[in-house]
Amino acid sequence: DGRSCITGFTLLEIIVSIAILILIASAASVSFSNSRNIRELTTASQNVLSILRTAQSKTLAGEEASQWGVHIEQTQVILFRGATYAGSNFTEIYPLPSTIEIANISLLGSGSDVIFKRIEGTTDETGTFELRVKSDTEKVFPITIDNSGKVYQTGAAPTPTGTRLQDARHRAFALGWSIQNS
């Protein structure tokens, strides 16, 4: 039988294979982009919480014998020293990543400054604001500031149980014996 067998891929098989690879690559790209946006949102939000807590700590410590506060803008937060942002002689600017923005600022007094009181560390500028992904405004990290000066992710504040503070890092346990009875 003098027939020779030719092996290889047809043009149709190559086109189908390339189309499948393109679909897989585009799905992976969307997933990677979504994951990166969530990571940037979480990191930026934790940084903003840290800056607010730093302002409160500096106020409580009496650093530079002054109050400290944070001015909130759409693309950055600014740590400042003094009773007002406008009259401050010291500021530190913390820009947000280009994919993240601050929105829905709703602080008491309709301002965008959070100023902590000396000695107490409390604030009159209570309220909320959100950090969100610009390209997907459904991905938000809401932040709450209460009058005690506590700042936290909305819905994530620990609920107090009674008047005793509980430390989750330590556990109490009872031994079955006592040193007095040994």
C-alpha atoms as a PDB file:
ATOM      1  CA  ASP A   1       0.000   0.000   0.000  1.00  0.00           C
ATOM      2  CA  GLY A   2       2.025   3.054  -1.152  1.00  0.00           C
ATOM      3  CA  ARG A   3       0.163   5.695   0.843  1.00  0.00           C
ATOM      4  CA  SER A   4       2.214   7.904   3.109  1.00  0.00           C
ATOM      5  CA  CYS A   5       0.792   9.293   6.302  1.00  0.00           C
ATOM      6  CA  ILE A   6       1.186  13.057   6.837  1.00  0.00           C
ATOM      7  CA  THR A   7       1.031  14.186  10.446  1.00  0.00           C
ATOM      8  CA  GLY A   8       0.631  17.726  11.796  1.00  0.00           C
ATOM      9  CA  PHE A   9      -1.927  20.247  12.867  1.00  0.00           C
ATOM     10  CA  THR A  10      -4.556  21.737  10.653  1.00  0.00           C
ATOM     11  CA  LEU A  11      -5.101  25.460  10.508  1.00  0.00           C
ATOM     12  CA  LEU A  12      -8.437  25.045  12.271  1.00  0.00           C
ATOM     13  CA  GLU A  13      -6.824  23.213  15.216  1.00  0.00           C
ATOM     14  CA  ILE A  14      -4.218  25.945  15.612  1.00  0.00           C
ATOM     15  CA  ILE A  15      -6.857  28.704  15.555  1.00  0.00           C
ATOM     16  CA  VAL A  16      -9.005  26.893  18.156  1.00  0.00           C
ATOM     17  CA  SER A  17      -5.953  26.381  20.401  1.00  0.00           C
ATOM     18  CA  ILE A  18      -4.978  30.065  20.174  1.00  0.00           C
ATOM     19  CA  ALA A  19      -8.569  31.136  20.938  1.00  0.00           C
ATOM     20  CA  ILE A  20      -8.631  28.942  24.056  1.00  0.00           C
ATOM     21  CA  LEU A  21      -5.295  30.395  25.237  1.00  0.00           C
ATOM     22  CA  ILE A  22      -6.594  33.942  24.720  1.00  0.00           C
ATOM     23  CA  LEU A  23      -9.726  33.175  26.787  1.00  0.00           C
ATOM     24  CA  ILE A  24      -7.657  31.720  29.636  1.00  0.00           C
ATOM     25  CA  ALA A  25      -5.241  34.671  29.578  1.00  0.00           C
ATOM     26  CA  SER A  26      -8.049  37.246  29.653  1.00  0.00           C
ATOM     27  CA  ALA A  27      -9.771  35.476  32.574  1.00  0.00           C
ATOM     28  CA  ALA A  28      -6.476  35.393  34.482  1.00  0.00           C
ATOM     29  CA  SER A  29      -5.876  39.078  33.720  1.00  0.00           C
ATOM     30  CA  VAL A  30      -9.281  40.116  35.108  1.00  0.00           C
ATOM     31  CA  SER A  31      -8.743  38.015  38.220  1.00  0.00           C
ATOM     32  CA  PHE A  32      -5.260  39.454  38.751  1.00  0.00           C
ATOM     33  CA  SER A  33      -6.506  43.035  38.312  1.00  0.00           C
ATOM     34  CA  ASN A  34      -9.361  42.458  40.768  1.00  0.00           C
ATOM     35  CA  SER A  35      -6.995  40.937  43.309  1.00  0.00           C
ATOM     36  CA  ARG A  36      -4.554  43.847  42.950  1.00  0.00           C
ATOM     37  CA  ASN A  37      -7.355  46.414  43.448  1.00  0.00           C
ATOM     38  CA  ILE A  38      -8.565  44.695  46.624  1.00  0.00           C
ATOM     39  CA  ARG A  39      -5.003  44.492  47.956  1.00  0.00           C
ATOM     40  CA  GLU A  40      -4.398  48.203  47.240  1.00  0.00           C
ATOM     41  CA  LEU A  41      -7.720  49.134  48.875  1.00  0.00           C
ATOM     42  CA  THR A  42      -6.937  47.145  52.006  1.00  0.00           C
ATOM     43  CA  THR A  43      -3.389  48.509  52.273  1.00  0.00           C
ATOM     44  CA  ALA A  44      -4.445  52.131  51.705  1.00  0.00           C
ATOM     45  CA  SER A  45      -7.281  51.800  54.224  1.00  0.00           C
ATOM     46  CA  GLN A  46      -4.998  50.338  56.880  1.00  0.00           C
ATOM     47  CA  ASN A  47      -2.555  53.205  56.232  1.00  0.00           C
ATOM     48  CA  VAL A  48      -5.321  55.803  56.698  1.00  0.00           C
ATOM     49  CA  LEU A  49      -6.386  54.137  59.960  1.00  0.00           C
ATOM     50  CA  SER A  50      -2.757  54.191  61.075  1.00  0.00           C
ATOM     51  CA  ILE A  51      -2.385  57.899  60.260  1.00  0.00           C
ATOM     52  CA  LEU A  52      -5.538  58.732  62.232  1.00  0.00           C
ATOM     53  CA  ARG A  53      -4.239  56.704  65.189  1.00  0.00           C
ATOM     54  CA  THR A  54      -0.843  58.413  64.908  1.00  0.00           C
ATOM     55  CA  ALA A  55      -2.502  61.830  65.163  1.00  0.00           C
ATOM     56  CA  GLN A  56      -4.367  60.700  68.267  1.00  0.00           C
ATOM     57  CA  SER A  57      -1.198  59.219  69.798  1.00  0.00           C
ATOM     58  CA  LYS A  58       0.805  62.386  69.149  1.00  0.00           C
ATOM     59  CA  THR A  59      -1.959  64.438  70.774  1.00  0.00           C
ATOM     60  CA  LEU A  60      -2.143  62.161  73.816  1.00  0.00           C
ATOM     61  CA  ALA A  61       1.645  62.209  74.161  1.00  0.00           C
ATOM     62  CA  GLY A  62       1.633  66.008  74.045  1.00  0.00           C
ATOM     63  CA  GLU A  63       4.141  65.960  71.199  1.00  0.00           C
ATOM     64  CA  GLU A  64       5.224  69.512  70.368  1.00  0.00           C
ATOM     65  CA  ALA A  65       2.763  70.615  73.096  1.00  0.00           C
ATOM     66  CA  SER A  66       0.013  70.692  70.494  1.00  0.00           C
ATOM     67  CA  GLN A  67      -3.082  69.049  69.125  1.00  0.00           C
ATOM     68  CA  TRP A  68      -2.744  66.859  66.030  1.00  0.00           C
ATOM     69  CA  GLY A  69      -5.235  66.109  63.322  1.00  0.00           C
ATOM     70  CA  VAL A  70      -5.801  64.617  59.891  1.00  0.00           C
ATOM     71  CA  HIS A  71      -7.163  66.494  56.880  1.00  0.00           C
ATOM     72  CA  ILE A  72      -9.019  64.173  54.474  1.00  0.00           C
ATOM     73  CA  GLU A  73      -9.096  64.816  50.724  1.00  0.00           C
ATOM     74  CA  GLN A  74     -10.214  62.674  47.798  1.00  0.00           C
ATOM     75  CA  THR A  75      -6.703  61.539  46.814  1.00  0.00           C
ATOM     76  CA  GLN A  76      -4.695  61.971  50.019  1.00  0.00           C
ATOM     77  CA  VAL A  77      -4.716  62.384  53.780  1.00  0.00           C
ATOM     78  CA  ILE A  78      -2.607  64.986  55.539  1.00  0.00           C
ATOM     79  CA  LEU A  79      -1.310  64.709  59.104  1.00  0.00           C
ATOM     80  CA  PHE A  80      -1.050  68.178  60.654  1.00  0.00           C
ATOM     81  CA  ARG A  81      -0.098  69.831  63.922  1.00  0.00           C
ATOM     82  CA  GLY A  82      -2.364  72.471  65.406  1.00  0.00           C
ATOM     83  CA  ALA A  83      -5.977  73.241  66.174  1.00  0.00           C
ATOM     84  CA  THR A  84      -6.840  73.721  62.485  1.00  0.00           C
ATOM     85  CA  TYR A  85      -5.499  72.463  59.178  1.00  0.00           C
ATOM     86  CA  ALA A  86      -5.580  75.951  57.644  1.00  0.00           C
ATOM     87  CA  GLY A  87      -3.412  77.408  60.408  1.00  0.00           C
ATOM     88  CA  SER A  88      -1.004  74.486  60.709  1.00  0.00           C
ATOM     89  CA  ASN A  89       2.729  75.105  60.470  1.00  0.00           C
ATOM     90  CA  PHE A  90       3.558  71.399  60.023  1.00  0.00           C
ATOM     91  CA  THR A  91       1.996  68.898  57.608  1.00  0.00           C
ATOM     92  CA  GLU A  92       2.848  65.446  56.271  1.00  0.00           C
ATOM     93  CA  ILE A  93       1.114  64.393  53.061  1.00  0.00           C
ATOM     94  CA  TYR A  94       0.189  60.746  52.477  1.00  0.00           C
ATOM     95  CA  PRO A  95      -1.055  60.228  48.898  1.00  0.00           C
ATOM     96  CA  LEU A  96      -3.355  57.330  48.071  1.00  0.00           C
ATOM     97  CA  PRO A  97      -2.590  54.905  45.223  1.00  0.00           C
ATOM     98  CA  SER A  98      -3.901  56.153  41.876  1.00  0.00           C
ATOM     99  CA  THR A  99      -6.582  53.424  41.853  1.00  0.00           C
ATOM    100  CA  ILE A 100      -8.051  54.427  45.253  1.00  0.00           C
ATOM    101  CA  GLU A 101     -10.129  57.439  46.306  1.00  0.00           C
ATOM    102  CA  ILE A 102     -11.849  58.751  49.410  1.00  0.00           C
ATOM    103  CA  ALA A 103     -15.584  59.369  49.054  1.00  0.00           C
ATOM    104  CA  ASN A 104     -18.724  60.071  51.079  1.00  0.00           C
ATOM    105  CA  ILE A 105     -16.985  62.081  53.800  1.00  0.00           C
ATOM    106  CA  SER A 106     -19.604  62.612  56.484  1.00  0.00           C
ATOM    107  CA  LEU A 107     -17.994  64.146  59.554  1.00  0.00           C
ATOM    108  CA  LEU A 108     -19.806  66.196  62.185  1.00  0.00           C
ATOM    109  CA  GLY A 109     -19.705  69.836  61.155  1.00  0.00           C
ATOM    110  CA  SER A 110     -19.513  68.930  57.443  1.00  0.00           C
ATOM    111  CA  GLY A 111     -15.756  69.316  57.446  1.00  0.00           C
ATOM    112  CA  SER A 112     -12.927  67.102  56.355  1.00  0.00           C
ATOM    113  CA  ASP A 113     -10.644  67.514  59.380  1.00  0.00           C
ATOM    114  CA  VAL A 114     -10.389  65.200  62.376  1.00  0.00           C
ATOM    115  CA  ILE A 115      -8.712  66.969  65.307  1.00  0.00           C
ATOM    116  CA  PHE A 116      -7.969  65.196  68.568  1.00  0.00           C
ATOM    117  CA  LYS A 117      -8.213  66.942  71.953  1.00  0.00           C
ATOM    118  CA  ARG A 118      -5.182  67.157  74.180  1.00  0.00           C
ATOM    119  CA  ILE A 119      -5.063  64.957  77.283  1.00  0.00           C
ATOM    120  CA  GLU A 120      -8.278  63.088  76.366  1.00  0.00           C
ATOM    121  CA  GLY A 121      -7.576  62.039  72.772  1.00  0.00           C
ATOM    122  CA  THR A 122     -11.262  62.463  71.939  1.00  0.00           C
ATOM    123  CA  THR A 123     -12.684  64.286  68.937  1.00  0.00           C
ATOM    124  CA  ASP A 124     -15.782  66.288  68.070  1.00  0.00           C
ATOM    125  CA  GLU A 125     -15.439  65.398  64.366  1.00  0.00           C
ATOM    126  CA  THR A 126     -17.209  62.054  64.511  1.00  0.00           C
ATOM    127  CA  GLY A 127     -18.590  60.335  61.457  1.00  0.00           C
ATOM    128  CA  THR A 128     -17.661  58.133  58.541  1.00  0.00           C
ATOM    129  CA  PHE A 129     -15.959  58.135  55.166  1.00  0.00           C
ATOM    130  CA  GLU A 130     -15.092  55.482  52.611  1.00  0.00           C
ATOM    131  CA  LEU A 131     -12.050  54.452  50.683  1.00  0.00           C
ATOM    132  CA  ARG A 132     -13.008  52.812  47.416  1.00  0.00           C
ATOM    133  CA  VAL A 133     -11.598  51.500  44.152  1.00  0.00           C
ATOM    134  CA  LYS A 134     -12.098  54.126  41.435  1.00  0.00           C
ATOM    135  CA  SER A 135     -12.852  51.591  38.703  1.00  0.00           C
ATOM    136  CA  ASP A 136     -15.286  49.590  40.861  1.00  0.00           C
ATOM    137  CA  THR A 137     -17.117  51.784  43.382  1.00  0.00           C
ATOM    138  CA  GLU A 138     -18.764  48.693  44.886  1.00  0.00           C
ATOM    139  CA  LYS A 139     -15.437  47.776  46.509  1.00  0.00           C
ATOM    140  CA  VAL A 140     -15.335  49.997  49.601  1.00  0.00           C
ATOM    141  CA  PHE A 141     -13.604  50.131  52.978  1.00  0.00           C
ATOM    142  CA  PRO A 142     -15.805  52.240  55.294  1.00  0.00           C
ATOM    143  CA  ILE A 143     -14.101  53.977  58.228  1.00  0.00           C
ATOM    144  CA  THR A 144     -15.831  55.248  61.373  1.00  0.00           C
ATOM    145  CA  ILE A 145     -14.517  57.778  63.885  1.00  0.00           C
ATOM    146  CA  ASP A 146     -16.369  57.907  67.201  1.00  0.00           C
ATOM    147  CA  ASN A 147     -16.288  60.626  69.869  1.00  0.00           C
ATOM    148  CA  SER A 148     -13.878  58.652  72.066  1.00  0.00           C
ATOM    149  CA  GLY A 149     -11.332  59.000  69.265  1.00  0.00           C
ATOM    150  CA  LYS A 150     -11.546  55.351  68.256  1.00  0.00           C
ATOM    151  CA  VAL A 151     -11.118  54.808  64.513  1.00  0.00           C
ATOM    152  CA  TYR A 152     -12.053  51.513  62.889  1.00  0.00           C
ATOM    153  CA  GLN A 153     -13.475  49.814  59.844  1.00  0.00           C
ATOM    154  CA  THR A 154     -17.230  50.262  60.049  1.00  0.00           C
ATOM    155  CA  GLY A 155     -18.837  47.092  61.312  1.00  0.00           C
ATOM    156  CA  ALA A 156     -15.540  45.797  62.661  1.00  0.00           C
ATOM    157  CA  ALA A 157     -15.377  47.598  66.005  1.00  0.00           C
ATOM    158  CA  PRO A 158     -15.132  45.271  68.956  1.00  0.00           C
ATOM    159  CA  THR A 159     -18.270  45.320  71.036  1.00  0.00           C
ATOM    160  CA  PRO A 160     -17.580  45.971  74.704  1.00  0.00           C
ATOM    161  CA  THR A 161     -18.737  43.329  77.158  1.00  0.00           C
ATOM    162  CA  GLY A 162     -19.439  44.896  80.514  1.00  0.00           C
ATOM    163  CA  THR A 163     -17.025  47.394  82.002  1.00  0.00           C
ATOM    164  CA  ARG A 164     -13.974  45.149  82.086  1.00  0.00           C
ATOM    165  CA  LEU A 165     -11.543  45.345  79.181  1.00  0.00           C
ATOM    166  CA  GLN A 166     -10.740  41.983  77.693  1.00  0.00           C
ATOM    167  CA  ASP A 167      -7.449  41.270  75.988  1.00  0.00           C
ATOM    168  CA  ALA A 168      -7.830  38.646  73.277  1.00  0.00           C
ATOM    169  CA  ARG A 169      -4.098  37.872  73.310  1.00  0.00           C
ATOM    170  CA  HIS A 170      -4.232  36.264  76.758  1.00  0.00           C
ATOM    171  CA  ARG A 171      -6.374  33.467  78.086  1.00  0.00           C
ATOM    172  CA  ALA A 172      -7.247  32.766  81.706  1.00  0.00           C
ATOM    173  CA  PHE A 173      -7.298  29.189  82.853  1.00  0.00           C
ATOM    174  CA  ALA A 174      -7.737  27.462  86.204  1.00  0.00           C
ATOM    175  CA  LEU A 175      -5.143  25.030  87.490  1.00  0.00           C
ATOM    176  CA  GLY A 176      -6.341  21.964  89.332  1.00  0.00           C
ATOM    177  CA  TRP A 177      -3.996  22.739  92.222  1.00  0.00           C
ATOM    178  CA  SER A 178      -2.670  25.647  94.238  1.00  0.00           C
ATOM    179  CA  ILE A 179       0.786  26.425  95.556  1.00  0.00           C
ATOM    180  CA  GLN A 180      -0.697  26.799  99.049  1.00  0.00           C
ATOM    181  CA  ASN A 181      -1.976  23.212  99.014  1.00  0.00           C
ATOM    182  CA  SER A 182       1.269  21.676  97.691  1.00  0.00           C
END
